[in-house]
Amino acid sequence: MPWTLPPRPSRRSLLTGAAGAAGAALLAGCTGGGGPSGDGTGIPLERRMREGAVRDSARLLERYDATVAVHPALAERLAPLRAAVAAHSAALAFPAPDAGGRTPAARSASPSPSPSASASASAAAATASAPPAASREAVPPKPAEALSSLADAERSLSEARTIALAGAPGELARLLASVAACGAVHAYLLTSTPGAAS
């Protein structure tokens, strides 16, 4: 018996198979197989990253407060840098739904609340995010050493945020990049001589 080629599949059967494979891939993408959280906690990656970044900023704010408490003469020099770190913490905070359960996107689509309601909400948020009293033991006794220690903290946090960029979602990655760059500038400003020409 002579050998013959097996029959080729028809174009219709190939298209049907491709459609079936695409459908299976879509259905597999819709299952709860770990999802974006990746570690099985059920907390989305972006939320975990934001909460960690806010904690890091709160620790840095504590260091600024402790440094000013030990060296009050540095308060004027450190005030703008501390304010920037506080603004970073607020920007990194995960946007929570309001009392009506609306997300930030829904809030931006609806009319804004009255100025007095906005002011009271801002005051409540500022009170809730105030850092706890910092330990004075960690601050070096000399002002120059205290500034150097604060610069080291800024630098190491900036480097950690730069490394975190690789795993961050798009918008958060851009925000982390901006905050990391600002931290690097803070480290430079803390170790430079004020008023010196460069």
C-alpha atoms as a PDB file:
ATOM      1  CA  MET A   1       0.000   0.000   0.000  1.00  0.00           C
ATOM      2  CA  PRO A   2       1.519   3.287  -0.984  1.00  0.00           C
ATOM      3  CA  TRP A   3       1.983   6.031   1.593  1.00  0.00           C
ATOM      4  CA  THR A   4      -0.275   9.102   1.205  1.00  0.00           C
ATOM      5  CA  LEU A   5      -0.248  12.480   2.858  1.00  0.00           C
ATOM      6  CA  PRO A   6      -2.803  12.934   5.598  1.00  0.00           C
ATOM      7  CA  PRO A   7      -5.587  15.341   4.675  1.00  0.00           C
ATOM      8  CA  ARG A   8      -4.847  19.003   5.501  1.00  0.00           C
ATOM      9  CA  PRO A   9      -7.137  20.739   7.946  1.00  0.00           C
ATOM     10  CA  SER A  10      -9.583  23.102   6.328  1.00  0.00           C
ATOM     11  CA  ARG A  11      -9.385  26.829   6.763  1.00  0.00           C
ATOM     12  CA  ARG A  12     -12.650  26.722   8.719  1.00  0.00           C
ATOM     13  CA  SER A  13     -11.279  24.214  11.253  1.00  0.00           C
ATOM     14  CA  LEU A  14      -8.130  26.336  11.720  1.00  0.00           C
ATOM     15  CA  LEU A  15     -10.183  29.480  12.352  1.00  0.00           C
ATOM     16  CA  THR A  16     -12.467  27.616  14.743  1.00  0.00           C
ATOM     17  CA  GLY A  17      -9.460  26.302  16.671  1.00  0.00           C
ATOM     18  CA  ALA A  18      -7.894  29.764  16.835  1.00  0.00           C
ATOM     19  CA  ALA A  19     -11.150  31.293  18.075  1.00  0.00           C
ATOM     20  CA  GLY A  20     -11.450  28.577  20.711  1.00  0.00           C
ATOM     21  CA  ALA A  21      -7.882  29.159  21.909  1.00  0.00           C
ATOM     22  CA  ALA A  22      -8.465  32.924  22.084  1.00  0.00           C
ATOM     23  CA  GLY A  23     -11.674  32.386  24.052  1.00  0.00           C
ATOM     24  CA  ALA A  24      -9.907  30.057  26.479  1.00  0.00           C
ATOM     25  CA  ALA A  25      -7.164  32.637  26.978  1.00  0.00           C
ATOM     26  CA  LEU A  26      -9.740  35.342  27.692  1.00  0.00           C
ATOM     27  CA  LEU A  27     -11.576  33.157  30.178  1.00  0.00           C
ATOM     28  CA  ALA A  28      -8.332  32.232  31.916  1.00  0.00           C
ATOM     29  CA  GLY A  29      -7.531  35.939  32.243  1.00  0.00           C
ATOM     30  CA  CYS A  30     -10.859  36.524  33.993  1.00  0.00           C
ATOM     31  CA  THR A  31     -10.327  33.945  36.734  1.00  0.00           C
ATOM     32  CA  GLY A  32      -8.978  34.852  40.149  1.00  0.00           C
ATOM     33  CA  GLY A  33      -5.600  33.198  39.691  1.00  0.00           C
ATOM     34  CA  GLY A  34      -3.640  35.622  41.830  1.00  0.00           C
ATOM     35  CA  GLY A  35      -4.523  38.723  39.824  1.00  0.00           C
ATOM     36  CA  PRO A  36      -2.565  41.933  40.135  1.00  0.00           C
ATOM     37  CA  SER A  37      -1.940  41.543  43.854  1.00  0.00           C
ATOM     38  CA  GLY A  38       0.475  38.699  43.181  1.00  0.00           C
ATOM     39  CA  ASP A  39       1.042  37.650  46.781  1.00  0.00           C
ATOM     40  CA  GLY A  40      -2.338  36.151  47.635  1.00  0.00           C
ATOM     41  CA  THR A  41      -3.253  38.859  50.180  1.00  0.00           C
ATOM     42  CA  GLY A  42      -6.063  40.182  48.013  1.00  0.00           C
ATOM     43  CA  ILE A  43      -4.657  43.707  48.301  1.00  0.00           C
ATOM     44  CA  PRO A  44      -3.827  45.234  44.908  1.00  0.00           C
ATOM     45  CA  LEU A  45      -0.170  45.903  44.136  1.00  0.00           C
ATOM     46  CA  GLU A  46      -0.678  49.655  43.691  1.00  0.00           C
ATOM     47  CA  ARG A  47      -2.404  49.989  47.054  1.00  0.00           C
ATOM     48  CA  ARG A  48       0.389  48.065  48.842  1.00  0.00           C
ATOM     49  CA  MET A  49       3.061  50.147  47.131  1.00  0.00           C
ATOM     50  CA  ARG A  50       1.303  53.412  47.974  1.00  0.00           C
ATOM     51  CA  GLU A  51       0.791  52.439  51.615  1.00  0.00           C
ATOM     52  CA  GLY A  52       4.469  51.497  51.932  1.00  0.00           C
ATOM     53  CA  ALA A  53       5.537  54.780  50.335  1.00  0.00           C
ATOM     54  CA  VAL A  54       3.299  56.739  52.722  1.00  0.00           C
ATOM     55  CA  ARG A  55       4.813  54.879  55.705  1.00  0.00           C
ATOM     56  CA  ASP A  56       8.320  55.692  54.449  1.00  0.00           C
ATOM     57  CA  SER A  57       7.389  59.361  54.058  1.00  0.00           C
ATOM     58  CA  ALA A  58       5.888  59.402  57.566  1.00  0.00           C
ATOM     59  CA  ARG A  59       9.165  58.024  58.976  1.00  0.00           C
ATOM     60  CA  LEU A  60      11.089  60.696  57.100  1.00  0.00           C
ATOM     61  CA  LEU A  61       8.747  63.373  58.491  1.00  0.00           C
ATOM     62  CA  GLU A  62       9.462  62.018  61.976  1.00  0.00           C
ATOM     63  CA  ARG A  63      13.185  62.426  61.312  1.00  0.00           C
ATOM     64  CA  TYR A  64      12.664  66.025  60.220  1.00  0.00           C
ATOM     65  CA  ASP A  65      10.582  66.717  63.343  1.00  0.00           C
ATOM     66  CA  ALA A  66      13.157  65.081  65.618  1.00  0.00           C
ATOM     67  CA  THR A  67      15.980  67.062  64.000  1.00  0.00           C
ATOM     68  CA  VAL A  68      14.118  70.350  64.473  1.00  0.00           C
ATOM     69  CA  ALA A  69      13.288  69.404  68.076  1.00  0.00           C
ATOM     70  CA  VAL A  70      16.975  68.799  68.872  1.00  0.00           C
ATOM     71  CA  HIS A  71      18.309  71.657  66.708  1.00  0.00           C
ATOM     72  CA  PRO A  72      15.701  74.482  66.656  1.00  0.00           C
ATOM     73  CA  ALA A  73      18.146  76.725  64.764  1.00  0.00           C
ATOM     74  CA  LEU A  74      17.674  74.467  61.716  1.00  0.00           C
ATOM     75  CA  ALA A  75      13.880  74.899  61.671  1.00  0.00           C
ATOM     76  CA  GLU A  76      13.865  77.655  59.047  1.00  0.00           C
ATOM     77  CA  ARG A  77      16.212  75.748  56.743  1.00  0.00           C
ATOM     78  CA  LEU A  78      14.296  72.468  57.081  1.00  0.00           C
ATOM     79  CA  ALA A  79      10.741  73.874  56.880  1.00  0.00           C
ATOM     80  CA  PRO A  80      10.422  73.882  53.054  1.00  0.00           C
ATOM     81  CA  LEU A  81      11.970  70.426  52.741  1.00  0.00           C
ATOM     82  CA  ARG A  82       9.697  69.014  55.428  1.00  0.00           C
ATOM     83  CA  ALA A  83       6.679  70.603  53.742  1.00  0.00           C
ATOM     84  CA  ALA A  84       7.653  68.915  50.466  1.00  0.00           C
ATOM     85  CA  VAL A  85       7.931  65.526  52.196  1.00  0.00           C
ATOM     86  CA  ALA A  86       4.480  66.062  53.731  1.00  0.00           C
ATOM     87  CA  ALA A  87       3.108  66.920  50.275  1.00  0.00           C
ATOM     88  CA  HIS A  88       4.692  63.741  48.874  1.00  0.00           C
ATOM     89  CA  SER A  89       3.013  61.709  51.574  1.00  0.00           C
ATOM     90  CA  ALA A  90      -0.351  63.240  50.691  1.00  0.00           C
ATOM     91  CA  ALA A  91       0.197  62.663  46.964  1.00  0.00           C
ATOM     92  CA  LEU A  92       1.214  59.031  47.509  1.00  0.00           C
ATOM     93  CA  ALA A  93      -1.766  58.225  49.737  1.00  0.00           C
ATOM     94  CA  PHE A  94      -4.216  55.813  48.124  1.00  0.00           C
ATOM     95  CA  PRO A  95      -7.353  57.760  47.199  1.00  0.00           C
ATOM     96  CA  ALA A  96     -10.187  56.454  49.348  1.00  0.00           C
ATOM     97  CA  PRO A  97     -13.882  56.607  48.472  1.00  0.00           C
ATOM     98  CA  ASP A  98     -15.797  59.410  50.142  1.00  0.00           C
ATOM     99  CA  ALA A  99     -18.681  58.976  52.600  1.00  0.00           C
ATOM    100  CA  GLY A 100     -21.048  58.291  49.684  1.00  0.00           C
ATOM    101  CA  GLY A 101     -18.803  55.450  48.485  1.00  0.00           C
ATOM    102  CA  ARG A 102     -17.720  57.344  45.368  1.00  0.00           C
ATOM    103  CA  THR A 103     -14.240  56.795  44.000  1.00  0.00           C
ATOM    104  CA  PRO A 104     -11.989  59.720  43.042  1.00  0.00           C
ATOM    105  CA  ALA A 105     -13.035  59.359  39.391  1.00  0.00           C
ATOM    106  CA  ALA A 106     -16.704  59.574  40.352  1.00  0.00           C
ATOM    107  CA  ARG A 107     -16.026  62.575  42.586  1.00  0.00           C
ATOM    108  CA  SER A 108     -14.303  64.442  39.759  1.00  0.00           C
ATOM    109  CA  ALA A 109     -17.317  63.852  37.519  1.00  0.00           C
ATOM    110  CA  SER A 110     -19.772  65.207  40.088  1.00  0.00           C
ATOM    111  CA  PRO A 111     -20.073  68.774  41.377  1.00  0.00           C
ATOM    112  CA  SER A 112     -17.538  69.716  44.038  1.00  0.00           C
ATOM    113  CA  PRO A 113     -18.615  70.125  47.671  1.00  0.00           C
ATOM    114  CA  SER A 114     -18.955  73.482  49.366  1.00  0.00           C
ATOM    115  CA  PRO A 115     -15.752  75.301  50.421  1.00  0.00           C
ATOM    116  CA  SER A 116     -16.514  74.816  54.116  1.00  0.00           C
ATOM    117  CA  ALA A 117     -16.955  71.053  53.644  1.00  0.00           C
ATOM    118  CA  SER A 118     -13.686  70.888  51.702  1.00  0.00           C
ATOM    119  CA  ALA A 119     -11.855  72.851  54.407  1.00  0.00           C
ATOM    120  CA  SER A 120     -13.140  70.610  57.198  1.00  0.00           C
ATOM    121  CA  ALA A 121     -12.253  67.468  55.214  1.00  0.00           C
ATOM    122  CA  SER A 122      -8.748  68.822  54.593  1.00  0.00           C
ATOM    123  CA  ALA A 123      -8.305  69.639  58.268  1.00  0.00           C
ATOM    124  CA  ALA A 124      -9.462  66.154  59.276  1.00  0.00           C
ATOM    125  CA  ALA A 125      -7.072  64.542  56.789  1.00  0.00           C
ATOM    126  CA  ALA A 126      -4.167  66.675  58.040  1.00  0.00           C
ATOM    127  CA  THR A 127      -4.924  65.726  61.650  1.00  0.00           C
ATOM    128  CA  ALA A 128      -5.196  62.019  60.811  1.00  0.00           C
ATOM    129  CA  SER A 129      -1.894  61.996  58.918  1.00  0.00           C
ATOM    130  CA  ALA A 130       0.124  63.867  61.551  1.00  0.00           C
ATOM    131  CA  PRO A 131       3.195  61.788  62.401  1.00  0.00           C
ATOM    132  CA  PRO A 132       3.695  60.571  65.954  1.00  0.00           C
ATOM    133  CA  ALA A 133       6.315  62.182  68.162  1.00  0.00           C
ATOM    134  CA  ALA A 134       9.782  61.188  66.992  1.00  0.00           C
ATOM    135  CA  SER A 135      12.602  59.953  69.146  1.00  0.00           C
ATOM    136  CA  ARG A 136      15.294  62.536  69.890  1.00  0.00           C
ATOM    137  CA  GLU A 137      17.918  59.840  70.538  1.00  0.00           C
ATOM    138  CA  ALA A 138      18.569  59.185  66.850  1.00  0.00           C
ATOM    139  CA  VAL A 139      19.511  62.789  66.052  1.00  0.00           C
ATOM    140  CA  PRO A 140      23.271  63.529  66.150  1.00  0.00           C
ATOM    141  CA  PRO A 141      24.307  66.227  68.643  1.00  0.00           C
ATOM    142  CA  LYS A 142      25.991  68.522  66.092  1.00  0.00           C
ATOM    143  CA  PRO A 143      23.820  70.386  63.560  1.00  0.00           C
ATOM    144  CA  ALA A 144      26.098  69.515  60.616  1.00  0.00           C
ATOM    145  CA  GLU A 145      25.962  65.815  61.529  1.00  0.00           C
ATOM    146  CA  ALA A 146      22.182  66.026  61.939  1.00  0.00           C
ATOM    147  CA  LEU A 147      21.856  67.509  58.450  1.00  0.00           C
ATOM    148  CA  SER A 148      24.144  64.824  57.064  1.00  0.00           C
ATOM    149  CA  SER A 149      22.073  62.106  58.757  1.00  0.00           C
ATOM    150  CA  LEU A 150      18.876  63.597  57.327  1.00  0.00           C
ATOM    151  CA  ALA A 151      20.504  63.762  53.876  1.00  0.00           C
ATOM    152  CA  ASP A 152      21.448  60.088  54.159  1.00  0.00           C
ATOM    153  CA  ALA A 153      17.841  59.225  55.010  1.00  0.00           C
ATOM    154  CA  GLU A 154      16.590  61.248  52.011  1.00  0.00           C
ATOM    155  CA  ARG A 155      19.170  59.637  49.729  1.00  0.00           C
ATOM    156  CA  SER A 156      18.412  56.061  50.796  1.00  0.00           C
ATOM    157  CA  LEU A 157      14.650  56.605  50.456  1.00  0.00           C
ATOM    158  CA  SER A 158      15.184  58.170  47.032  1.00  0.00           C
ATOM    159  CA  GLU A 159      17.222  55.149  45.942  1.00  0.00           C
ATOM    160  CA  ALA A 160      14.603  52.723  47.287  1.00  0.00           C
ATOM    161  CA  ARG A 161      11.858  54.537  45.388  1.00  0.00           C
ATOM    162  CA  THR A 162      13.936  54.495  42.222  1.00  0.00           C
ATOM    163  CA  ILE A 163      14.311  50.718  42.551  1.00  0.00           C
ATOM    164  CA  ALA A 164      10.557  50.346  43.197  1.00  0.00           C
ATOM    165  CA  LEU A 165       9.810  52.001  39.848  1.00  0.00           C
ATOM    166  CA  ALA A 166      10.394  48.722  38.016  1.00  0.00           C
ATOM    167  CA  GLY A 167       7.368  47.030  39.583  1.00  0.00           C
ATOM    168  CA  ALA A 168       5.030  49.999  39.884  1.00  0.00           C
ATOM    169  CA  PRO A 169       1.960  50.562  37.693  1.00  0.00           C
ATOM    170  CA  GLY A 170       2.225  53.474  35.217  1.00  0.00           C
ATOM    171  CA  GLU A 171       0.811  56.455  37.129  1.00  0.00           C
ATOM    172  CA  LEU A 172       2.375  55.386  40.413  1.00  0.00           C
ATOM    173  CA  ALA A 173       5.728  54.852  38.672  1.00  0.00           C
ATOM    174  CA  ARG A 174       5.650  58.439  37.399  1.00  0.00           C
ATOM    175  CA  LEU A 175       4.778  59.720  40.860  1.00  0.00           C
ATOM    176  CA  LEU A 176       7.523  57.643  42.503  1.00  0.00           C
ATOM    177  CA  ALA A 177      10.036  58.915  39.940  1.00  0.00           C
ATOM    178  CA  SER A 178       9.126  62.518  40.740  1.00  0.00           C
ATOM    179  CA  VAL A 179       9.281  61.956  44.492  1.00  0.00           C
ATOM    180  CA  ALA A 180      12.601  60.085  44.191  1.00  0.00           C
ATOM    181  CA  ALA A 181      14.083  62.948  42.168  1.00  0.00           C
ATOM    182  CA  CYS A 182      12.870  65.430  44.758  1.00  0.00           C
ATOM    183  CA  GLY A 183      14.445  63.325  47.519  1.00  0.00           C
ATOM    184  CA  ALA A 184      17.778  63.392  45.681  1.00  0.00           C
ATOM    185  CA  VAL A 185      17.543  67.183  45.480  1.00  0.00           C
ATOM    186  CA  HIS A 186      16.737  67.326  49.204  1.00  0.00           C
ATOM    187  CA  ALA A 187      19.844  65.265  49.947  1.00  0.00           C
ATOM    188  CA  TYR A 188      21.927  67.716  47.921  1.00  0.00           C
ATOM    189  CA  LEU A 189      20.356  70.753  49.603  1.00  0.00           C
ATOM    190  CA  LEU A 190      20.872  69.279  53.064  1.00  0.00           C
ATOM    191  CA  THR A 191      24.600  68.799  52.453  1.00  0.00           C
ATOM    192  CA  SER A 192      25.266  72.026  50.554  1.00  0.00           C
ATOM    193  CA  THR A 193      26.228  75.284  52.233  1.00  0.00           C
ATOM    194  CA  PRO A 194      23.266  77.687  52.205  1.00  0.00           C
ATOM    195  CA  GLY A 195      23.885  80.806  50.181  1.00  0.00           C
ATOM    196  CA  ALA A 196      27.055  79.441  48.554  1.00  0.00           C
ATOM    197  CA  ALA A 197      27.447  80.024  44.816  1.00  0.00           C
ATOM    198  CA  SER A 198      27.991  76.887  42.782  1.00  0.00           C
END
